[in-house]
Amino acid sequence: MTQPYNGMPAAELTTAIWQKSRFSNPSGNCVEMAELPGGGIALRNSRDPHGPALIYTFDEVVAFIQGAKGGDFDNLVHQ
């Protein structure tokens, strides 16, 4: 496997085990995440599993999840 980089084809992450949220809907509108060797985290669109994967550090993902749990992004959700 090549060194992961932002926007790389998700199919090139051959050792990735992708995980969906249990809140995913049946339409497939979900983001999937996978832990990478070396501690990175990859994200991909579940509707396009061979499309681009975005690569983040573990600390970046922790900061995002903590912000989401704390309501920092609630203003972006319109229901």
PDB file of N, CA and C in Angstrom:
ATOM      1  N   MET A   1       0.839  -1.180   0.000  1.00  0.00           N
ATOM      2  CA  MET A   1       0.000   0.000   0.000  1.00  0.00           C
ATOM      3  C   MET A   1       0.882   1.239   0.000  1.00  0.00           C
ATOM      4  N   THR A   2       0.480   2.210  -0.777  1.00  0.00           N
ATOM      5  CA  THR A   2       1.207   3.476  -0.796  1.00  0.00           C
ATOM      6  C   THR A   2       0.870   4.272   0.460  1.00  0.00           C
ATOM      7  N   GLN A   3       1.655   5.288   0.735  1.00  0.00           N
ATOM      8  CA  GLN A   3       1.395   6.174   1.875  1.00  0.00           C
ATOM      9  C   GLN A   3       0.034   6.854   1.667  1.00  0.00           C
ATOM     10  N   PRO A   4      -0.868   6.758   2.647  1.00  0.00           N
ATOM     11  CA  PRO A   4      -2.176   7.396   2.484  1.00  0.00           C
ATOM     12  C   PRO A   4      -2.061   8.917   2.326  1.00  0.00           C
ATOM     13  N   TYR A   5      -2.885   9.483   1.457  1.00  0.00           N
ATOM     14  CA  TYR A   5      -2.915  10.929   1.248  1.00  0.00           C
ATOM     15  C   TYR A   5      -4.353  11.348   0.999  1.00  0.00           C
ATOM     16  N   ASN A   6      -4.675  12.596   1.297  1.00  0.00           N
ATOM     17  CA  ASN A   6      -6.039  13.092   1.129  1.00  0.00           C
ATOM     18  C   ASN A   6      -6.468  13.023  -0.320  1.00  0.00           C
ATOM     19  N   GLY A   7      -7.660  12.474  -0.530  1.00  0.00           N
ATOM     20  CA  GLY A   7      -8.218  12.374  -1.863  1.00  0.00           C
ATOM     21  C   GLY A   7      -7.779  11.142  -2.624  1.00  0.00           C
ATOM     22  N   MET A   8      -7.088  10.220  -1.956  1.00  0.00           N
ATOM     23  CA  MET A   8      -6.662   9.009  -2.651  1.00  0.00           C
ATOM     24  C   MET A   8      -7.868   8.095  -2.878  1.00  0.00           C
ATOM     25  N   PRO A   9      -7.819   7.240  -3.899  1.00  0.00           N
ATOM     26  CA  PRO A   9      -8.922   6.309  -4.121  1.00  0.00           C
ATOM     27  C   PRO A   9      -9.068   5.365  -2.919  1.00  0.00           C
ATOM     28  N   ALA A  10     -10.266   5.291  -2.383  1.00  0.00           N
ATOM     29  CA  ALA A  10     -10.508   4.451  -1.210  1.00  0.00           C
ATOM     30  C   ALA A  10     -10.160   2.993  -1.493  1.00  0.00           C
ATOM     31  N   ALA A  11     -10.312   2.551  -2.723  1.00  0.00           N
ATOM     32  CA  ALA A  11     -10.009   1.162  -3.077  1.00  0.00           C
ATOM     33  C   ALA A  11      -8.526   0.820  -2.884  1.00  0.00           C
ATOM     34  N   GLU A  12      -7.662   1.831  -2.863  1.00  0.00           N
ATOM     35  CA  GLU A  12      -6.235   1.585  -2.640  1.00  0.00           C
ATOM     36  C   GLU A  12      -5.916   1.319  -1.169  1.00  0.00           C
ATOM     37  N   LEU A  13      -6.868   1.563  -0.292  1.00  0.00           N
ATOM     38  CA  LEU A  13      -6.679   1.278   1.136  1.00  0.00           C
ATOM     39  C   LEU A  13      -7.122  -0.162   1.386  1.00  0.00           C
ATOM     40  N   THR A  14      -6.344  -1.086   0.866  1.00  0.00           N
ATOM     41  CA  THR A  14      -6.745  -2.493   0.813  1.00  0.00           C
ATOM     42  C   THR A  14      -6.854  -3.164   2.176  1.00  0.00           C
ATOM     43  N   THR A  15      -6.201  -2.642   3.195  1.00  0.00           N
ATOM     44  CA  THR A  15      -6.292  -3.252   4.523  1.00  0.00           C
ATOM     45  C   THR A  15      -7.358  -2.582   5.388  1.00  0.00           C
ATOM     46  N   ALA A  16      -8.006  -1.543   4.873  1.00  0.00           N
ATOM     47  CA  ALA A  16      -8.998  -0.808   5.660  1.00  0.00           C
ATOM     48  C   ALA A  16     -10.240  -1.658   5.907  1.00  0.00           C
ATOM     49  N   ILE A  17     -10.717  -1.610   7.130  1.00  0.00           N
ATOM     50  CA  ILE A  17     -11.987  -2.236   7.493  1.00  0.00           C
ATOM     51  C   ILE A  17     -12.954  -1.086   7.771  1.00  0.00           C
ATOM     52  N   TRP A  18     -13.850  -0.865   6.832  1.00  0.00           N
ATOM     53  CA  TRP A  18     -14.741   0.298   6.877  1.00  0.00           C
ATOM     54  C   TRP A  18     -15.887   0.055   7.840  1.00  0.00           C
ATOM     55  N   GLN A  19     -16.264   1.113   8.543  1.00  0.00           N
ATOM     56  CA  GLN A  19     -17.318   1.033   9.554  1.00  0.00           C
ATOM     57  C   GLN A  19     -18.316   2.162   9.345  1.00  0.00           C
ATOM     58  N   LYS A  20     -19.612   1.806   9.333  1.00  0.00           N
ATOM     59  CA  LYS A  20     -20.685   2.790   9.219  1.00  0.00           C
ATOM     60  C   LYS A  20     -21.266   3.054  10.602  1.00  0.00           C
ATOM     61  N   SER A  21     -21.852   4.214  10.751  1.00  0.00           N
ATOM     62  CA  SER A  21     -22.582   4.541  11.970  1.00  0.00           C
ATOM     63  C   SER A  21     -23.854   3.697  12.050  1.00  0.00           C
ATOM     64  N   ARG A  22     -24.247   3.340  13.237  1.00  0.00           N
ATOM     65  CA  ARG A  22     -25.518   2.627  13.397  1.00  0.00           C
ATOM     66  C   ARG A  22     -26.692   3.556  13.121  1.00  0.00           C
ATOM     67  N   PHE A  23     -26.436   4.853  12.985  1.00  0.00           N
ATOM     68  CA  PHE A  23     -27.474   5.822  12.635  1.00  0.00           C
ATOM     69  C   PHE A  23     -27.605   5.996  11.124  1.00  0.00           C
ATOM     70  N   SER A  24     -26.841   5.242  10.348  1.00  0.00           N
ATOM     71  CA  SER A  24     -26.919   5.319   8.892  1.00  0.00           C
ATOM     72  C   SER A  24     -28.322   4.954   8.436  1.00  0.00           C
ATOM     73  N   ASN A  25     -28.777   5.612   7.367  1.00  0.00           N
ATOM     74  CA  ASN A  25     -30.121   5.294   6.886  1.00  0.00           C
ATOM     75  C   ASN A  25     -30.069   4.282   5.748  1.00  0.00           C
ATOM     76  N   PRO A  26     -31.196   3.636   5.440  1.00  0.00           N
ATOM     77  CA  PRO A  26     -31.213   2.593   4.402  1.00  0.00           C
ATOM     78  C   PRO A  26     -30.865   3.085   3.000  1.00  0.00           C
ATOM     79  N   SER A  27     -30.900   4.394   2.773  1.00  0.00           N
ATOM     80  CA  SER A  27     -30.583   4.939   1.454  1.00  0.00           C
ATOM     81  C   SER A  27     -29.090   4.948   1.178  1.00  0.00           C
ATOM     82  N   GLY A  28     -28.287   4.605   2.167  1.00  0.00           N
ATOM     83  CA  GLY A  28     -26.842   4.583   1.982  1.00  0.00           C
ATOM     84  C   GLY A  28     -26.197   5.941   2.148  1.00  0.00           C
ATOM     85  N   ASN A  29     -26.913   6.894   2.716  1.00  0.00           N
ATOM     86  CA  ASN A  29     -26.362   8.232   2.926  1.00  0.00           C
ATOM     87  C   ASN A  29     -25.539   8.233   4.209  1.00  0.00           C
ATOM     88  N   CYS A  30     -24.318   7.822   4.094  1.00  0.00           N
ATOM     89  CA  CYS A  30     -23.500   7.705   5.279  1.00  0.00           C
ATOM     90  C   CYS A  30     -22.031   7.892   4.922  1.00  0.00           C
ATOM     91  N   VAL A  31     -21.287   8.303   5.913  1.00  0.00           N
ATOM     92  CA  VAL A  31     -19.838   8.370   5.809  1.00  0.00           C
ATOM     93  C   VAL A  31     -19.288   7.169   6.560  1.00  0.00           C
ATOM     94  N   GLU A  32     -18.322   6.499   5.981  1.00  0.00           N
ATOM     95  CA  GLU A  32     -17.686   5.356   6.625  1.00  0.00           C
ATOM     96  C   GLU A  32     -16.282   5.747   7.062  1.00  0.00           C
ATOM     97  N   MET A  33     -15.825   5.147   8.145  1.00  0.00           N
ATOM     98  CA  MET A  33     -14.491   5.429   8.679  1.00  0.00           C
ATOM     99  C   MET A  33     -13.715   4.126   8.804  1.00  0.00           C
ATOM    100  N   ALA A  34     -12.400   4.232   8.702  1.00  0.00           N
ATOM    101  CA  ALA A  34     -11.525   3.075   8.883  1.00  0.00           C
ATOM    102  C   ALA A  34     -10.226   3.530   9.535  1.00  0.00           C
ATOM    103  N   GLU A  35      -9.751   2.719  10.469  1.00  0.00           N
ATOM    104  CA  GLU A  35      -8.448   2.987  11.084  1.00  0.00           C
ATOM    105  C   GLU A  35      -7.363   2.502  10.133  1.00  0.00           C
ATOM    106  N   LEU A  36      -6.318   3.284   9.985  1.00  0.00           N
ATOM    107  CA  LEU A  36      -5.220   2.937   9.084  1.00  0.00           C
ATOM    108  C   LEU A  36      -3.983   2.536   9.892  1.00  0.00           C
ATOM    109  N   PRO A  37      -3.124   1.716   9.301  1.00  0.00           N
ATOM    110  CA  PRO A  37      -1.851   1.426   9.961  1.00  0.00           C
ATOM    111  C   PRO A  37      -1.101   2.737  10.207  1.00  0.00           C
ATOM    112  N   GLY A  38      -0.525   2.878  11.354  1.00  0.00           N
ATOM    113  CA  GLY A  38       0.189   4.103  11.673  1.00  0.00           C
ATOM    114  C   GLY A  38      -0.667   5.114  12.418  1.00  0.00           C
ATOM    115  N   GLY A  39      -1.966   4.803  12.617  1.00  0.00           N
ATOM    116  CA  GLY A  39      -2.801   5.646  13.448  1.00  0.00           C
ATOM    117  C   GLY A  39      -3.700   6.626  12.744  1.00  0.00           C
ATOM    118  N   GLY A  40      -3.653   6.714  11.419  1.00  0.00           N
ATOM    119  CA  GLY A  40      -4.545   7.623  10.710  1.00  0.00           C
ATOM    120  C   GLY A  40      -5.957   7.071  10.644  1.00  0.00           C
ATOM    121  N   ILE A  41      -6.884   7.942  10.270  1.00  0.00           N
ATOM    122  CA  ILE A  41      -8.284   7.560  10.091  1.00  0.00           C
ATOM    123  C   ILE A  41      -8.708   8.008   8.693  1.00  0.00           C
ATOM    124  N   ALA A  42      -9.316   7.097   7.952  1.00  0.00           N
ATOM    125  CA  ALA A  42      -9.805   7.405   6.607  1.00  0.00           C
ATOM    126  C   ALA A  42     -11.320   7.540   6.638  1.00  0.00           C
ATOM    127  N   LEU A  43     -11.854   8.461   5.836  1.00  0.00           N
ATOM    128  CA  LEU A  43     -13.295   8.649   5.673  1.00  0.00           C
ATOM    129  C   LEU A  43     -13.628   8.529   4.195  1.00  0.00           C
ATOM    130  N   ARG A  44     -14.767   7.886   3.915  1.00  0.00           N
ATOM    131  CA  ARG A  44     -15.241   7.802   2.534  1.00  0.00           C
ATOM    132  C   ARG A  44     -16.763   7.875   2.515  1.00  0.00           C
ATOM    133  N   ASN A  45     -17.306   8.204   1.364  1.00  0.00           N
ATOM    134  CA  ASN A  45     -18.745   8.248   1.144  1.00  0.00           C
ATOM    135  C   ASN A  45     -19.207   6.820   0.867  1.00  0.00           C
ATOM    136  N   SER A  46     -20.176   6.324   1.627  1.00  0.00           N
ATOM    137  CA  SER A  46     -20.630   4.940   1.451  1.00  0.00           C
ATOM    138  C   SER A  46     -21.274   4.701   0.088  1.00  0.00           C
ATOM    139  N   ARG A  47     -21.786   5.755  -0.543  1.00  0.00           N
ATOM    140  CA  ARG A  47     -22.378   5.606  -1.873  1.00  0.00           C
ATOM    141  C   ARG A  47     -21.328   5.518  -2.972  1.00  0.00           C
ATOM    142  N   ASP A  48     -20.092   5.833  -2.649  1.00  0.00           N
ATOM    143  CA  ASP A  48     -19.008   5.811  -3.632  1.00  0.00           C
ATOM    144  C   ASP A  48     -17.782   5.148  -3.004  1.00  0.00           C
ATOM    145  N   PRO A  49     -17.849   3.838  -2.727  1.00  0.00           N
ATOM    146  CA  PRO A  49     -16.768   3.174  -1.994  1.00  0.00           C
ATOM    147  C   PRO A  49     -15.426   3.142  -2.712  1.00  0.00           C
ATOM    148  N   HIS A  50     -15.420   3.397  -4.008  1.00  0.00           N
ATOM    149  CA  HIS A  50     -14.154   3.435  -4.744  1.00  0.00           C
ATOM    150  C   HIS A  50     -13.696   4.867  -5.018  1.00  0.00           C
ATOM    151  N   GLY A  51     -14.490   5.821  -4.555  1.00  0.00           N
ATOM    152  CA  GLY A  51     -14.156   7.235  -4.728  1.00  0.00           C
ATOM    153  C   GLY A  51     -13.066   7.661  -3.769  1.00  0.00           C
ATOM    154  N   PRO A  52     -12.917   8.959  -3.573  1.00  0.00           N
ATOM    155  CA  PRO A  52     -11.821   9.454  -2.749  1.00  0.00           C
ATOM    156  C   PRO A  52     -12.019   9.167  -1.261  1.00  0.00           C
ATOM    157  N   ALA A  53     -10.900   8.975  -0.586  1.00  0.00           N
ATOM    158  CA  ALA A  53     -10.879   8.841   0.871  1.00  0.00           C
ATOM    159  C   ALA A  53     -10.130  10.045   1.425  1.00  0.00           C
ATOM    160  N   LEU A  54     -10.667  10.622   2.471  1.00  0.00           N
ATOM    161  CA  LEU A  54      -9.990  11.711   3.168  1.00  0.00           C
ATOM    162  C   LEU A  54      -9.267  11.119   4.362  1.00  0.00           C
ATOM    163  N   ILE A  55      -8.045  11.535   4.573  1.00  0.00           N
ATOM    164  CA  ILE A  55      -7.198  10.977   5.625  1.00  0.00           C
ATOM    165  C   ILE A  55      -6.977  12.031   6.698  1.00  0.00           C
ATOM    166  N   TYR A  56      -7.222  11.636   7.945  1.00  0.00           N
ATOM    167  CA  TYR A  56      -7.045  12.529   9.087  1.00  0.00           C
ATOM    168  C   TYR A  56      -6.189  11.848  10.142  1.00  0.00           C
ATOM    169  N   THR A  57      -5.576  12.649  11.000  1.00  0.00           N
ATOM    170  CA  THR A  57      -4.851  12.083  12.132  1.00  0.00           C
ATOM    171  C   THR A  57      -5.872  11.665  13.188  1.00  0.00           C
ATOM    172  N   PHE A  58      -5.445  10.817  14.093  1.00  0.00           N
ATOM    173  CA  PHE A  58      -6.297  10.391  15.192  1.00  0.00           C
ATOM    174  C   PHE A  58      -6.761  11.605  16.000  1.00  0.00           C
ATOM    175  N   ASP A  59      -5.837  12.522  16.302  1.00  0.00           N
ATOM    176  CA  ASP A  59      -6.176  13.704  17.101  1.00  0.00           C
ATOM    177  C   ASP A  59      -7.196  14.602  16.398  1.00  0.00           C
ATOM    178  N   GLU A  60      -7.111  14.717  15.074  1.00  0.00           N
ATOM    179  CA  GLU A  60      -8.094  15.514  14.336  1.00  0.00           C
ATOM    180  C   GLU A  60      -9.489  14.905  14.459  1.00  0.00           C
ATOM    181  N   VAL A  61      -9.564  13.594  14.365  1.00  0.00           N
ATOM    182  CA  VAL A  61     -10.855  12.918  14.471  1.00  0.00           C
ATOM    183  C   VAL A  61     -11.409  13.038  15.889  1.00  0.00           C
ATOM    184  N   VAL A  62     -10.560  12.894  16.887  1.00  0.00           N
ATOM    185  CA  VAL A  62     -11.003  13.053  18.276  1.00  0.00           C
ATOM    186  C   VAL A  62     -11.566  14.455  18.490  1.00  0.00           C
ATOM    187  N   ALA A  63     -10.891  15.474  18.003  1.00  0.00           N
ATOM    188  CA  ALA A  63     -11.367  16.849  18.157  1.00  0.00           C
ATOM    189  C   ALA A  63     -12.720  17.037  17.468  1.00  0.00           C
ATOM    190  N   PHE A  64     -12.892  16.460  16.285  1.00  0.00           N
ATOM    191  CA  PHE A  64     -14.174  16.566  15.579  1.00  0.00           C
ATOM    192  C   PHE A  64     -15.286  15.873  16.357  1.00  0.00           C
ATOM    193  N   ILE A  65     -15.031  14.645  16.807  1.00  0.00           N
ATOM    194  CA  ILE A  65     -16.058  13.893  17.534  1.00  0.00           C
ATOM    195  C   ILE A  65     -16.432  14.602  18.833  1.00  0.00           C
ATOM    196  N   GLN A  66     -15.453  15.110  19.542  1.00  0.00           N
ATOM    197  CA  GLN A  66     -15.755  15.849  20.771  1.00  0.00           C
ATOM    198  C   GLN A  66     -16.588  17.093  20.475  1.00  0.00           C
ATOM    199  N   GLY A  67     -16.260  17.789  19.396  1.00  0.00           N
ATOM    200  CA  GLY A  67     -17.048  18.956  19.006  1.00  0.00           C
ATOM    201  C   GLY A  67     -18.471  18.574  18.629  1.00  0.00           C
ATOM    202  N   ALA A  68     -18.630  17.474  17.902  1.00  0.00           N
ATOM    203  CA  ALA A  68     -19.973  17.027  17.515  1.00  0.00           C
ATOM    204  C   ALA A  68     -20.777  16.627  18.747  1.00  0.00           C
ATOM    205  N   LYS A  69     -20.168  15.894  19.647  1.00  0.00           N
ATOM    206  CA  LYS A  69     -20.859  15.507  20.880  1.00  0.00           C
ATOM    207  C   LYS A  69     -21.219  16.722  21.721  1.00  0.00           C
ATOM    208  N   GLY A  70     -20.390  17.744  21.687  1.00  0.00           N
ATOM    209  CA  GLY A  70     -20.626  18.956  22.456  1.00  0.00           C
ATOM    210  C   GLY A  70     -21.582  19.937  21.799  1.00  0.00           C
ATOM    211  N   GLY A  71     -22.075  19.619  20.593  1.00  0.00           N
ATOM    212  CA  GLY A  71     -23.048  20.471  19.922  1.00  0.00           C
ATOM    213  C   GLY A  71     -22.455  21.578  19.068  1.00  0.00           C
ATOM    214  N   ASP A  72     -21.136  21.554  18.859  1.00  0.00           N
ATOM    215  CA  ASP A  72     -20.488  22.618  18.096  1.00  0.00           C
ATOM    216  C   ASP A  72     -21.001  22.756  16.664  1.00  0.00           C
ATOM    217  N   PHE A  73     -21.573  21.695  16.105  1.00  0.00           N
ATOM    218  CA  PHE A  73     -22.001  21.722  14.709  1.00  0.00           C
ATOM    219  C   PHE A  73     -23.514  21.629  14.551  1.00  0.00           C
ATOM    220  N   ASP A  74     -24.244  21.752  15.652  1.00  0.00           N
ATOM    221  CA  ASP A  74     -25.696  21.632  15.597  1.00  0.00           C
ATOM    222  C   ASP A  74     -26.334  22.650  14.659  1.00  0.00           C
ATOM    223  N   ASN A  75     -25.716  23.811  14.518  1.00  0.00           N
ATOM    224  CA  ASN A  75     -26.259  24.841  13.625  1.00  0.00           C
ATOM    225  C   ASN A  75     -26.198  24.431  12.149  1.00  0.00           C
ATOM    226  N   LEU A  76     -25.460  23.388  11.821  1.00  0.00           N
ATOM    227  CA  LEU A  76     -25.345  22.946  10.423  1.00  0.00           C
ATOM    228  C   LEU A  76     -26.435  21.942  10.044  1.00  0.00           C
ATOM    229  N   VAL A  77     -27.178  21.454  11.033  1.00  0.00           N
ATOM    230  CA  VAL A  77     -28.216  20.453  10.790  1.00  0.00           C
ATOM    231  C   VAL A  77     -29.563  21.149  10.744  1.00  0.00           C
ATOM    232  N   HIS A  78     -30.228  21.048   9.592  1.00  0.00           N
ATOM    233  CA  HIS A  78     -31.549  21.686   9.411  1.00  0.00           C
ATOM    234  C   HIS A  78     -32.574  20.592   9.184  1.00  0.00           C
ATOM    235  N   GLN A  79     -33.462  20.440  10.133  1.00  0.00           N
ATOM    236  CA  GLN A  79     -34.493  19.387   9.989  1.00  0.00           C
ATOM    237  C   GLN A  79     -35.858  19.995   9.942  1.00  0.00           C
TER     238      GLN A  79
END
